[in-house]
Amino acid sequence: MVEADPVPITIPVQLPSSDEAVALAQYVKRIGYEDVNKFASPCITYGGRTEADVMWSAVCVLQRQLADAGFAPR
């Protein structure tokens, strides 16, 4: 059975200034798959995907959204 496409969710975030947005963009630029794998549970899955894979996907989405908002890491 093929799962239906999930409905995207929007999480509004208000940061106090562009400094926080720049710093967050730098932080997520430096996170690697190995980092999320270290913190992910090896026993938890989401829709057949490992927790680390889902975490990494979310980090990549955050990187793209920050870049789209003008906060691309240097």
C-alpha atoms as a PDB file:
ATOM      1  CA  MET A   1       0.000   0.000   0.000  1.00  0.00           C
ATOM      2  CA  VAL A   2       1.404   3.392  -1.010  1.00  0.00           C
ATOM      3  CA  GLU A   3       1.068   6.142   1.558  1.00  0.00           C
ATOM      4  CA  ALA A   4      -0.590   9.377   0.461  1.00  0.00           C
ATOM      5  CA  ASP A   5       1.612  12.438   0.300  1.00  0.00           C
ATOM      6  CA  PRO A   6       1.802  14.017   3.732  1.00  0.00           C
ATOM      7  CA  VAL A   7       0.282  17.433   4.201  1.00  0.00           C
ATOM      8  CA  PRO A   8       3.017  20.009   4.818  1.00  0.00           C
ATOM      9  CA  ILE A   9       2.806  21.889   8.081  1.00  0.00           C
ATOM     10  CA  THR A  10       3.796  25.466   8.721  1.00  0.00           C
ATOM     11  CA  ILE A  11       5.618  26.368  11.891  1.00  0.00           C
ATOM     12  CA  PRO A  12       5.802  30.145  12.275  1.00  0.00           C
ATOM     13  CA  VAL A  13       9.021  31.281  13.911  1.00  0.00           C
ATOM     14  CA  GLN A  14       9.715  34.816  14.998  1.00  0.00           C
ATOM     15  CA  LEU A  15      13.335  35.566  15.767  1.00  0.00           C
ATOM     16  CA  PRO A  16      14.291  38.708  17.680  1.00  0.00           C
ATOM     17  CA  SER A  17      16.605  39.970  14.919  1.00  0.00           C
ATOM     18  CA  SER A  18      18.375  39.010  11.728  1.00  0.00           C
ATOM     19  CA  ASP A  19      21.415  38.119  13.868  1.00  0.00           C
ATOM     20  CA  GLU A  20      19.583  35.069  15.197  1.00  0.00           C
ATOM     21  CA  ALA A  21      18.526  34.073  11.680  1.00  0.00           C
ATOM     22  CA  VAL A  22      22.098  34.334  10.407  1.00  0.00           C
ATOM     23  CA  ALA A  23      23.418  32.392  13.390  1.00  0.00           C
ATOM     24  CA  LEU A  24      20.755  29.700  12.946  1.00  0.00           C
ATOM     25  CA  ALA A  25      21.640  29.403   9.257  1.00  0.00           C
ATOM     26  CA  GLN A  26      25.295  28.956  10.211  1.00  0.00           C
ATOM     27  CA  TYR A  27      24.377  26.327  12.787  1.00  0.00           C
ATOM     28  CA  VAL A  28      22.267  24.220  10.450  1.00  0.00           C
ATOM     29  CA  LYS A  29      24.985  24.529   7.804  1.00  0.00           C
ATOM     30  CA  ARG A  30      27.399  22.834  10.195  1.00  0.00           C
ATOM     31  CA  ILE A  31      25.101  19.983  11.218  1.00  0.00           C
ATOM     32  CA  GLY A  32      25.825  16.782   9.366  1.00  0.00           C
ATOM     33  CA  TYR A  33      24.049  13.474   9.029  1.00  0.00           C
ATOM     34  CA  GLU A  34      26.497  11.989  11.525  1.00  0.00           C
ATOM     35  CA  ASP A  35      25.366  14.547  14.115  1.00  0.00           C
ATOM     36  CA  VAL A  36      21.678  13.750  13.779  1.00  0.00           C
ATOM     37  CA  ASN A  37      22.450  10.039  13.674  1.00  0.00           C
ATOM     38  CA  LYS A  38      24.244  10.373  17.005  1.00  0.00           C
ATOM     39  CA  PHE A  39      21.109  11.809  18.655  1.00  0.00           C
ATOM     40  CA  ALA A  40      18.484   9.722  16.860  1.00  0.00           C
ATOM     41  CA  SER A  41      16.997   6.601  18.344  1.00  0.00           C
ATOM     42  CA  PRO A  42      17.888   3.479  16.371  1.00  0.00           C
ATOM     43  CA  CYS A  43      14.514   1.959  17.320  1.00  0.00           C
ATOM     44  CA  ILE A  44      12.161   4.693  16.145  1.00  0.00           C
ATOM     45  CA  THR A  45      10.855   4.959  12.591  1.00  0.00           C
ATOM     46  CA  TYR A  46       8.455   7.333  10.894  1.00  0.00           C
ATOM     47  CA  GLY A  47       6.586   5.902   7.937  1.00  0.00           C
ATOM     48  CA  GLY A  48       9.289   3.296   7.431  1.00  0.00           C
ATOM     49  CA  ARG A  49      12.124   5.838   7.590  1.00  0.00           C
ATOM     50  CA  THR A  50      14.672   5.882  10.384  1.00  0.00           C
ATOM     51  CA  GLU A  51      14.485   8.703  12.884  1.00  0.00           C
ATOM     52  CA  ALA A  52      17.910   9.922  11.734  1.00  0.00           C
ATOM     53  CA  ASP A  53      16.732  10.114   8.114  1.00  0.00           C
ATOM     54  CA  VAL A  54      13.646  12.086   9.117  1.00  0.00           C
ATOM     55  CA  MET A  55      15.706  14.417  11.326  1.00  0.00           C
ATOM     56  CA  TRP A  56      18.185  14.999   8.503  1.00  0.00           C
ATOM     57  CA  SER A  57      15.355  15.730   6.081  1.00  0.00           C
ATOM     58  CA  ALA A  58      13.967  18.343   8.492  1.00  0.00           C
ATOM     59  CA  VAL A  59      17.389  19.985   8.858  1.00  0.00           C
ATOM     60  CA  CYS A  60      17.715  20.174   5.061  1.00  0.00           C
ATOM     61  CA  VAL A  61      14.265  21.767   4.783  1.00  0.00           C
ATOM     62  CA  LEU A  62      15.243  24.317   7.440  1.00  0.00           C
ATOM     63  CA  GLN A  63      18.457  25.113   5.541  1.00  0.00           C
ATOM     64  CA  ARG A  64      16.496  25.704   2.315  1.00  0.00           C
ATOM     65  CA  GLN A  65      13.835  27.820   4.025  1.00  0.00           C
ATOM     66  CA  LEU A  66      16.456  30.018   5.689  1.00  0.00           C
ATOM     67  CA  ALA A  67      18.207  30.437   2.334  1.00  0.00           C
ATOM     68  CA  ASP A  68      14.905  31.325   0.647  1.00  0.00           C
ATOM     69  CA  ALA A  69      14.359  33.974   3.332  1.00  0.00           C
ATOM     70  CA  GLY A  70      17.757  35.495   2.521  1.00  0.00           C
ATOM     71  CA  PHE A  71      19.783  33.829   5.236  1.00  0.00           C
ATOM     72  CA  ALA A  72      21.974  31.510   3.200  1.00  0.00           C
ATOM     73  CA  PRO A  73      25.047  30.341   5.062  1.00  0.00           C
ATOM     74  CA  ARG A  74      28.301  31.691   3.739  1.00  0.00           C
END
